[in-house]
Amino acid sequence: MYLVSQSYPLLDRGGQIPEEKATAVFPPGYMRFLQRFGAGTYRGWMNVYWPDAEVLKPFVDYDLWEHDEDSPITQQQIGELIAIGSSVDGDFLAVHPPTGQVLWLPRHGDQLQRLSLDVSEPEDDEAYARSLDEIFREVYGNVQEDEVYYEPRSDTRNHLFLRLPPDQDRLTLPQLAGLCREAFPPDLVIENQYGCKLFNRRLGGYIRFNYANRQEVAIIYEKDAGQLFADIKQWLLSQGCVQFGQ
């Protein structure tokens, strides 16, 4: 698994979980993954964080999901859930300690989904990454074919947004991404019809080309990237990019 930047492992913080919920059955490798890599975002779609027994309690009062005979829990039992992650679209991943269920709470759906995970798998540092891949298959019905990467949460990460103004005489965004790849050889490349990410460990981040809107370029970097960030920014400007607002 490729790490975008330095990770910040989380030490045991079990005392912050109510005692009656501390025995919750988490997905395979979840706690070990946090202790090894810390909080962050997995493959650009799932935010991984420490168990949160409070965030879903207010949802008991909202009629967001149906709770018929096929629902894995009642509406009142939502208050018993411990959230362990959320997708970038706002869906929640949670465990229900009284029943040992792992549940998916969709933002844009009305049916809670009980997830079936193989808890017998041998546990190692990346076991939870495999669990998340299994969850993705179960929820979305397909698999992610791109390289596996994890973006640890960082308080020192910055973003710079640029755009490549449309002009038939200028480079297209895919062409710009290709030239950038040659100018600043990446450690990992993830490219599809929607965009391209050029990862660079010295940058502590990546350069993202948004093929979907045909203009946006973003540099995600650590504040100590220094000269490398400045060089990449200047190179993109020299190729016709402009900062947003210009």
C-alpha atoms as a PDB file:
ATOM      1  CA  MET A   1       0.000   0.000   0.000  1.00  0.00           C
ATOM      2  CA  TYR A   2       1.411   3.364  -1.046  1.00  0.00           C
ATOM      3  CA  LEU A   3       1.484   6.028   1.688  1.00  0.00           C
ATOM      4  CA  VAL A   4       0.986   9.532   0.300  1.00  0.00           C
ATOM      5  CA  SER A   5       2.825  11.175   3.194  1.00  0.00           C
ATOM      6  CA  GLN A   6       4.125  10.471   6.677  1.00  0.00           C
ATOM      7  CA  SER A   7       1.639   8.566   8.807  1.00  0.00           C
ATOM      8  CA  TYR A   8       0.720   9.419  12.397  1.00  0.00           C
ATOM      9  CA  PRO A   9      -0.143   6.181  14.203  1.00  0.00           C
ATOM     10  CA  LEU A  10      -2.820   6.410  16.863  1.00  0.00           C
ATOM     11  CA  LEU A  11      -2.036   5.028  20.292  1.00  0.00           C
ATOM     12  CA  ASP A  12      -4.597   3.089  22.290  1.00  0.00           C
ATOM     13  CA  ARG A  13      -7.399   5.505  23.184  1.00  0.00           C
ATOM     14  CA  GLY A  14      -9.938   2.909  24.291  1.00  0.00           C
ATOM     15  CA  GLY A  15     -10.723   4.895  27.424  1.00  0.00           C
ATOM     16  CA  GLN A  16     -12.559   7.428  25.284  1.00  0.00           C
ATOM     17  CA  ILE A  17     -15.134   4.802  24.248  1.00  0.00           C
ATOM     18  CA  PRO A  18     -17.976   4.156  26.761  1.00  0.00           C
ATOM     19  CA  GLU A  19     -17.148   1.020  28.729  1.00  0.00           C
ATOM     20  CA  GLU A  20     -20.265  -0.851  27.638  1.00  0.00           C
ATOM     21  CA  LYS A  21     -19.275  -0.329  23.999  1.00  0.00           C
ATOM     22  CA  ALA A  22     -15.572  -1.011  24.275  1.00  0.00           C
ATOM     23  CA  THR A  23     -16.109  -4.680  23.390  1.00  0.00           C
ATOM     24  CA  ALA A  24     -17.530  -3.842  19.948  1.00  0.00           C
ATOM     25  CA  VAL A  25     -16.540  -6.200  17.167  1.00  0.00           C
ATOM     26  CA  PHE A  26     -14.758  -4.090  14.549  1.00  0.00           C
ATOM     27  CA  PRO A  27     -14.013  -5.156  10.968  1.00  0.00           C
ATOM     28  CA  PRO A  28     -10.904  -7.315  10.515  1.00  0.00           C
ATOM     29  CA  GLY A  29      -7.724  -5.349  11.135  1.00  0.00           C
ATOM     30  CA  TYR A  30      -9.429  -2.022  11.894  1.00  0.00           C
ATOM     31  CA  MET A  31      -7.722  -1.223  15.204  1.00  0.00           C
ATOM     32  CA  ARG A  32      -4.339  -2.479  14.025  1.00  0.00           C
ATOM     33  CA  PHE A  33      -4.604  -0.351  10.882  1.00  0.00           C
ATOM     34  CA  LEU A  34      -5.251   2.807  12.935  1.00  0.00           C
ATOM     35  CA  GLN A  35      -2.413   2.037  15.297  1.00  0.00           C
ATOM     36  CA  ARG A  36      -0.065   1.553  12.348  1.00  0.00           C
ATOM     37  CA  PHE A  37      -1.149   4.252   9.885  1.00  0.00           C
ATOM     38  CA  GLY A  38      -3.401   6.655  11.819  1.00  0.00           C
ATOM     39  CA  ALA A  39      -6.522   8.402  10.584  1.00  0.00           C
ATOM     40  CA  GLY A  40      -6.778   9.297   6.915  1.00  0.00           C
ATOM     41  CA  THR A  41      -8.459   8.590   3.590  1.00  0.00           C
ATOM     42  CA  TYR A  42      -8.257   5.216   1.853  1.00  0.00           C
ATOM     43  CA  ARG A  43      -8.078   5.141  -1.964  1.00  0.00           C
ATOM     44  CA  GLY A  44      -9.757   8.542  -2.150  1.00  0.00           C
ATOM     45  CA  TRP A  45     -13.187   7.302  -1.022  1.00  0.00           C
ATOM     46  CA  MET A  46     -13.263   6.264   2.646  1.00  0.00           C
ATOM     47  CA  ASN A  47     -12.299   8.421   5.624  1.00  0.00           C
ATOM     48  CA  VAL A  48     -10.914   6.217   8.392  1.00  0.00           C
ATOM     49  CA  TYR A  49     -11.053   7.512  11.955  1.00  0.00           C
ATOM     50  CA  TRP A  50     -11.101   6.503  15.616  1.00  0.00           C
ATOM     51  CA  PRO A  51     -14.408   5.000  16.886  1.00  0.00           C
ATOM     52  CA  ASP A  52     -16.965   7.758  17.443  1.00  0.00           C
ATOM     53  CA  ALA A  53     -19.891   6.820  19.671  1.00  0.00           C
ATOM     54  CA  GLU A  54     -21.519  10.267  19.478  1.00  0.00           C
ATOM     55  CA  VAL A  55     -21.770  11.350  15.839  1.00  0.00           C
ATOM     56  CA  LEU A  56     -24.784   9.165  14.949  1.00  0.00           C
ATOM     57  CA  LYS A  57     -26.864   9.763  18.095  1.00  0.00           C
ATOM     58  CA  PRO A  58     -28.693  12.812  16.645  1.00  0.00           C
ATOM     59  CA  PHE A  59     -29.839  10.658  13.712  1.00  0.00           C
ATOM     60  CA  VAL A  60     -32.268   8.835  15.995  1.00  0.00           C
ATOM     61  CA  ASP A  61     -34.593  11.834  15.581  1.00  0.00           C
ATOM     62  CA  TYR A  62     -34.332  11.917  11.777  1.00  0.00           C
ATOM     63  CA  ASP A  63     -36.432   9.717   9.491  1.00  0.00           C
ATOM     64  CA  LEU A  64     -33.603   9.156   7.041  1.00  0.00           C
ATOM     65  CA  TRP A  65     -33.872   5.380   6.633  1.00  0.00           C
ATOM     66  CA  GLU A  66     -36.663   2.839   6.585  1.00  0.00           C
ATOM     67  CA  HIS A  67     -36.934   0.516   9.580  1.00  0.00           C
ATOM     68  CA  ASP A  68     -39.214  -2.320   8.523  1.00  0.00           C
ATOM     69  CA  GLU A  69     -38.897  -6.016   9.314  1.00  0.00           C
ATOM     70  CA  ASP A  70     -35.936  -6.320   6.933  1.00  0.00           C
ATOM     71  CA  SER A  71     -33.938  -3.528   8.563  1.00  0.00           C
ATOM     72  CA  PRO A  72     -30.927  -4.762  10.581  1.00  0.00           C
ATOM     73  CA  ILE A  73     -31.706  -2.330  13.445  1.00  0.00           C
ATOM     74  CA  THR A  74     -34.544  -0.122  14.669  1.00  0.00           C
ATOM     75  CA  GLN A  75     -34.493   3.653  14.497  1.00  0.00           C
ATOM     76  CA  GLN A  76     -33.808   3.906  18.240  1.00  0.00           C
ATOM     77  CA  GLN A  77     -30.829   1.570  17.896  1.00  0.00           C
ATOM     78  CA  ILE A  78     -29.087   4.092  15.657  1.00  0.00           C
ATOM     79  CA  GLY A  79     -28.082   5.790  18.903  1.00  0.00           C
ATOM     80  CA  GLU A  80     -26.127   2.659  19.852  1.00  0.00           C
ATOM     81  CA  LEU A  81     -23.954   2.722  16.746  1.00  0.00           C
ATOM     82  CA  ILE A  82     -20.243   3.515  16.785  1.00  0.00           C
ATOM     83  CA  ALA A  83     -19.095   5.240  13.589  1.00  0.00           C
ATOM     84  CA  ILE A  84     -15.688   4.120  12.356  1.00  0.00           C
ATOM     85  CA  GLY A  85     -15.595   5.879   8.991  1.00  0.00           C
ATOM     86  CA  SER A  86     -17.445   7.901   6.392  1.00  0.00           C
ATOM     87  CA  SER A  87     -17.258   8.001   2.629  1.00  0.00           C
ATOM     88  CA  VAL A  88     -16.378  11.195   0.786  1.00  0.00           C
ATOM     89  CA  ASP A  89     -20.057  11.258  -0.273  1.00  0.00           C
ATOM     90  CA  GLY A  90     -21.280  11.342   3.333  1.00  0.00           C
ATOM     91  CA  ASP A  91     -22.200   7.681   3.912  1.00  0.00           C
ATOM     92  CA  PHE A  92     -21.381   6.236   7.343  1.00  0.00           C
ATOM     93  CA  LEU A  93     -19.649   2.985   8.214  1.00  0.00           C
ATOM     94  CA  ALA A  94     -20.543   1.867  11.730  1.00  0.00           C
ATOM     95  CA  VAL A  95     -20.664  -1.090  14.092  1.00  0.00           C
ATOM     96  CA  HIS A  96     -23.580  -2.067  16.361  1.00  0.00           C
ATOM     97  CA  PRO A  97     -22.062  -3.525  19.554  1.00  0.00           C
ATOM     98  CA  PRO A  98     -25.205  -5.277  20.907  1.00  0.00           C
ATOM     99  CA  THR A  99     -25.567  -7.406  17.764  1.00  0.00           C
ATOM    100  CA  GLY A 100     -22.002  -7.373  16.413  1.00  0.00           C
ATOM    101  CA  GLN A 101     -23.155  -6.069  13.033  1.00  0.00           C
ATOM    102  CA  VAL A 102     -21.131  -3.889  10.671  1.00  0.00           C
ATOM    103  CA  LEU A 103     -23.541  -1.483   8.947  1.00  0.00           C
ATOM    104  CA  TRP A 104     -23.537   0.883   5.987  1.00  0.00           C
ATOM    105  CA  LEU A 105     -25.720   3.999   6.377  1.00  0.00           C
ATOM    106  CA  PRO A 106     -26.156   5.558   2.922  1.00  0.00           C
ATOM    107  CA  ARG A 107     -26.549   9.285   2.510  1.00  0.00           C
ATOM    108  CA  HIS A 108     -28.579   8.953  -0.670  1.00  0.00           C
ATOM    109  CA  GLY A 109     -30.533   5.809   0.136  1.00  0.00           C
ATOM    110  CA  ASP A 110     -33.262   4.749   2.552  1.00  0.00           C
ATOM    111  CA  GLN A 111     -32.104   1.193   3.344  1.00  0.00           C
ATOM    112  CA  LEU A 112     -29.467   0.365   5.955  1.00  0.00           C
ATOM    113  CA  GLN A 113     -27.164  -2.397   4.774  1.00  0.00           C
ATOM    114  CA  ARG A 114     -25.638  -5.106   6.927  1.00  0.00           C
ATOM    115  CA  LEU A 115     -22.173  -5.952   5.652  1.00  0.00           C
ATOM    116  CA  SER A 116     -20.802  -9.467   5.511  1.00  0.00           C
ATOM    117  CA  LEU A 117     -17.093  -9.487   6.259  1.00  0.00           C
ATOM    118  CA  ASP A 118     -14.724 -12.428   6.679  1.00  0.00           C
ATOM    119  CA  VAL A 119     -13.567 -12.072  10.283  1.00  0.00           C
ATOM    120  CA  SER A 120     -11.491 -15.257  10.094  1.00  0.00           C
ATOM    121  CA  GLU A 121      -8.825 -13.727   7.856  1.00  0.00           C
ATOM    122  CA  PRO A 122      -5.332 -13.564   9.420  1.00  0.00           C
ATOM    123  CA  GLU A 123      -4.695 -10.038  10.659  1.00  0.00           C
ATOM    124  CA  ASP A 124      -1.741  -7.940   9.548  1.00  0.00           C
ATOM    125  CA  ASP A 125      -1.107  -4.204   9.137  1.00  0.00           C
ATOM    126  CA  GLU A 126      -3.103  -4.035   5.896  1.00  0.00           C
ATOM    127  CA  ALA A 127      -5.951  -6.421   6.730  1.00  0.00           C
ATOM    128  CA  TYR A 128      -8.357  -3.507   7.140  1.00  0.00           C
ATOM    129  CA  ALA A 129      -7.434  -2.221   3.692  1.00  0.00           C
ATOM    130  CA  ARG A 130      -8.658  -5.533   2.319  1.00  0.00           C
ATOM    131  CA  SER A 131     -11.810  -5.225   4.445  1.00  0.00           C
ATOM    132  CA  LEU A 132     -12.484  -1.806   2.919  1.00  0.00           C
ATOM    133  CA  ASP A 133     -12.037  -3.240  -0.572  1.00  0.00           C
ATOM    134  CA  GLU A 134     -14.572  -5.924   0.329  1.00  0.00           C
ATOM    135  CA  ILE A 135     -16.966  -3.258   1.624  1.00  0.00           C
ATOM    136  CA  PHE A 136     -16.576  -1.295  -1.612  1.00  0.00           C
ATOM    137  CA  ARG A 137     -17.476  -4.398  -3.645  1.00  0.00           C
ATOM    138  CA  GLU A 138     -20.471  -5.133  -1.440  1.00  0.00           C
ATOM    139  CA  VAL A 139     -21.828  -1.591  -1.453  1.00  0.00           C
ATOM    140  CA  TYR A 140     -21.123  -0.545  -5.037  1.00  0.00           C
ATOM    141  CA  GLY A 141     -21.116  -3.900  -6.781  1.00  0.00           C
ATOM    142  CA  ASN A 142     -17.741  -3.478  -8.462  1.00  0.00           C
ATOM    143  CA  VAL A 143     -14.056  -3.333  -7.652  1.00  0.00           C
ATOM    144  CA  GLN A 144     -11.453  -0.594  -7.666  1.00  0.00           C
ATOM    145  CA  GLU A 145      -8.761  -1.462 -10.168  1.00  0.00           C
ATOM    146  CA  ASP A 146      -6.389   1.424  -9.432  1.00  0.00           C
ATOM    147  CA  GLU A 147      -3.346   1.118  -7.207  1.00  0.00           C
ATOM    148  CA  VAL A 148      -3.943   0.968  -3.452  1.00  0.00           C
ATOM    149  CA  TYR A 149      -2.960   4.127  -1.575  1.00  0.00           C
ATOM    150  CA  TYR A 150      -3.635   5.783   1.760  1.00  0.00           C
ATOM    151  CA  GLU A 151      -3.542   9.492   2.533  1.00  0.00           C
ATOM    152  CA  PRO A 152      -2.807   9.943   6.261  1.00  0.00           C
ATOM    153  CA  ARG A 153      -4.498  12.897   7.898  1.00  0.00           C
ATOM    154  CA  SER A 154      -2.138  15.851   8.232  1.00  0.00           C
ATOM    155  CA  ASP A 155      -2.455  19.273   9.821  1.00  0.00           C
ATOM    156  CA  THR A 156       0.365  20.589   7.619  1.00  0.00           C
ATOM    157  CA  ARG A 157      -0.998  19.616   4.202  1.00  0.00           C
ATOM    158  CA  ASN A 158      -1.819  22.457   1.816  1.00  0.00           C
ATOM    159  CA  HIS A 159      -3.646  22.761  -1.513  1.00  0.00           C
ATOM    160  CA  LEU A 160      -3.113  25.040  -4.483  1.00  0.00           C
ATOM    161  CA  PHE A 161      -5.766  25.103  -7.210  1.00  0.00           C
ATOM    162  CA  LEU A 162      -4.974  26.120 -10.771  1.00  0.00           C
ATOM    163  CA  ARG A 163      -6.861  25.914 -14.029  1.00  0.00           C
ATOM    164  CA  LEU A 164      -5.887  25.471 -17.647  1.00  0.00           C
ATOM    165  CA  PRO A 165      -8.047  27.936 -19.611  1.00  0.00           C
ATOM    166  CA  PRO A 166      -9.696  26.347 -22.676  1.00  0.00           C
ATOM    167  CA  ASP A 167      -7.884  27.261 -25.886  1.00  0.00           C
ATOM    168  CA  GLN A 168      -7.656  25.176 -29.031  1.00  0.00           C
ATOM    169  CA  ASP A 169      -4.036  26.240 -29.492  1.00  0.00           C
ATOM    170  CA  ARG A 170      -3.015  25.084 -25.996  1.00  0.00           C
ATOM    171  CA  LEU A 171      -2.371  21.721 -24.422  1.00  0.00           C
ATOM    172  CA  THR A 172      -5.234  19.541 -23.320  1.00  0.00           C
ATOM    173  CA  LEU A 173      -5.285  18.484 -19.679  1.00  0.00           C
ATOM    174  CA  PRO A 174      -4.211  14.877 -20.474  1.00  0.00           C
ATOM    175  CA  GLN A 175      -1.339  16.251 -22.557  1.00  0.00           C
ATOM    176  CA  LEU A 176      -0.320  18.521 -19.679  1.00  0.00           C
ATOM    177  CA  ALA A 177      -0.423  15.562 -17.295  1.00  0.00           C
ATOM    178  CA  GLY A 178       1.851  13.606 -19.635  1.00  0.00           C
ATOM    179  CA  LEU A 179       4.406  16.402 -19.821  1.00  0.00           C
ATOM    180  CA  CYS A 180       4.276  16.891 -16.053  1.00  0.00           C
ATOM    181  CA  ARG A 181       4.944  13.200 -15.593  1.00  0.00           C
ATOM    182  CA  GLU A 182       8.121  13.574 -17.637  1.00  0.00           C
ATOM    183  CA  ALA A 183       9.229  16.784 -15.901  1.00  0.00           C
ATOM    184  CA  PHE A 184       8.604  15.491 -12.368  1.00  0.00           C
ATOM    185  CA  PRO A 185       8.792  11.666 -12.386  1.00  0.00           C
ATOM    186  CA  PRO A 186       6.183  10.394  -9.913  1.00  0.00           C
ATOM    187  CA  ASP A 187       6.422   7.527  -7.443  1.00  0.00           C
ATOM    188  CA  LEU A 188       2.914   6.368  -8.329  1.00  0.00           C
ATOM    189  CA  VAL A 189       0.452   7.190 -11.117  1.00  0.00           C
ATOM    190  CA  ILE A 190      -3.302   6.681 -11.010  1.00  0.00           C
ATOM    191  CA  GLU A 191      -5.064   7.647 -14.226  1.00  0.00           C
ATOM    192  CA  ASN A 192      -8.504   6.937 -15.667  1.00  0.00           C
ATOM    193  CA  GLN A 193     -11.087   8.692 -17.815  1.00  0.00           C
ATOM    194  CA  TYR A 194     -11.955  11.087 -14.998  1.00  0.00           C
ATOM    195  CA  GLY A 195      -8.529  12.285 -13.991  1.00  0.00           C
ATOM    196  CA  CYS A 196      -4.897  11.688 -13.227  1.00  0.00           C
ATOM    197  CA  LYS A 197      -2.931  11.786  -9.981  1.00  0.00           C
ATOM    198  CA  LEU A 198       0.858  11.967  -9.953  1.00  0.00           C
ATOM    199  CA  PHE A 199       2.081  11.038  -6.475  1.00  0.00           C
ATOM    200  CA  ASN A 200       5.433  12.254  -5.177  1.00  0.00           C
ATOM    201  CA  ARG A 201       6.758  11.336  -1.731  1.00  0.00           C
ATOM    202  CA  ARG A 202       9.067  14.349  -1.600  1.00  0.00           C
ATOM    203  CA  LEU A 203       6.021  16.519  -2.198  1.00  0.00           C
ATOM    204  CA  GLY A 204       4.119  14.720   0.547  1.00  0.00           C
ATOM    205  CA  GLY A 205       1.152  14.636  -1.807  1.00  0.00           C
ATOM    206  CA  TYR A 206       0.312  14.638  -5.499  1.00  0.00           C
ATOM    207  CA  ILE A 207      -0.621  16.675  -8.557  1.00  0.00           C
ATOM    208  CA  ARG A 208      -4.229  16.089  -9.626  1.00  0.00           C
ATOM    209  CA  PHE A 209      -5.566  16.722 -13.118  1.00  0.00           C
ATOM    210  CA  ASN A 210      -9.353  16.821 -13.335  1.00  0.00           C
ATOM    211  CA  TYR A 211     -10.164  15.411 -16.759  1.00  0.00           C
ATOM    212  CA  ALA A 212     -13.890  15.565 -16.003  1.00  0.00           C
ATOM    213  CA  ASN A 213     -14.041  19.374 -16.056  1.00  0.00           C
ATOM    214  CA  ARG A 214     -11.068  19.676 -18.463  1.00  0.00           C
ATOM    215  CA  GLN A 215      -9.482  22.604 -16.606  1.00  0.00           C
ATOM    216  CA  GLU A 216      -8.715  22.034 -12.928  1.00  0.00           C
ATOM    217  CA  VAL A 217      -5.231  21.231 -11.691  1.00  0.00           C
ATOM    218  CA  ALA A 218      -4.462  20.896  -7.987  1.00  0.00           C
ATOM    219  CA  ILE A 219      -1.205  20.520  -6.101  1.00  0.00           C
ATOM    220  CA  ILE A 220      -1.600  18.759  -2.755  1.00  0.00           C
ATOM    221  CA  TYR A 221       1.598  19.158  -0.751  1.00  0.00           C
ATOM    222  CA  GLU A 222       3.162  19.281   2.691  1.00  0.00           C
ATOM    223  CA  LYS A 223       4.272  22.693   3.877  1.00  0.00           C
ATOM    224  CA  ASP A 224       7.893  21.525   4.104  1.00  0.00           C
ATOM    225  CA  ALA A 225       7.926  20.476   0.406  1.00  0.00           C
ATOM    226  CA  GLY A 226       9.596  23.827  -0.192  1.00  0.00           C
ATOM    227  CA  GLN A 227      11.502  24.083  -3.438  1.00  0.00           C
ATOM    228  CA  LEU A 228       9.806  21.111  -5.113  1.00  0.00           C
ATOM    229  CA  PHE A 229       6.377  22.674  -4.664  1.00  0.00           C
ATOM    230  CA  ALA A 230       7.689  26.003  -5.993  1.00  0.00           C
ATOM    231  CA  ASP A 231       9.224  24.284  -9.017  1.00  0.00           C
ATOM    232  CA  ILE A 232       6.025  22.406  -9.862  1.00  0.00           C
ATOM    233  CA  LYS A 233       3.901  25.517  -9.474  1.00  0.00           C
ATOM    234  CA  GLN A 234       6.193  27.585 -11.698  1.00  0.00           C
ATOM    235  CA  TRP A 235       6.301  24.828 -14.309  1.00  0.00           C
ATOM    236  CA  LEU A 236       2.491  24.604 -14.457  1.00  0.00           C
ATOM    237  CA  LEU A 237       2.231  28.384 -14.803  1.00  0.00           C
ATOM    238  CA  SER A 238       4.762  28.286 -17.633  1.00  0.00           C
ATOM    239  CA  GLN A 239       2.547  25.776 -19.434  1.00  0.00           C
ATOM    240  CA  GLY A 240      -0.444  28.128 -19.431  1.00  0.00           C
ATOM    241  CA  CYS A 241      -2.090  27.388 -16.099  1.00  0.00           C
ATOM    242  CA  VAL A 242      -3.413  30.249 -13.984  1.00  0.00           C
ATOM    243  CA  GLN A 243      -4.418  30.397 -10.345  1.00  0.00           C
ATOM    244  CA  PHE A 244      -8.117  30.417  -9.584  1.00  0.00           C
ATOM    245  CA  GLY A 245      -9.505  33.925  -9.474  1.00  0.00           C
ATOM    246  CA  GLN A 246      -7.209  35.120 -12.250  1.00  0.00           C
END
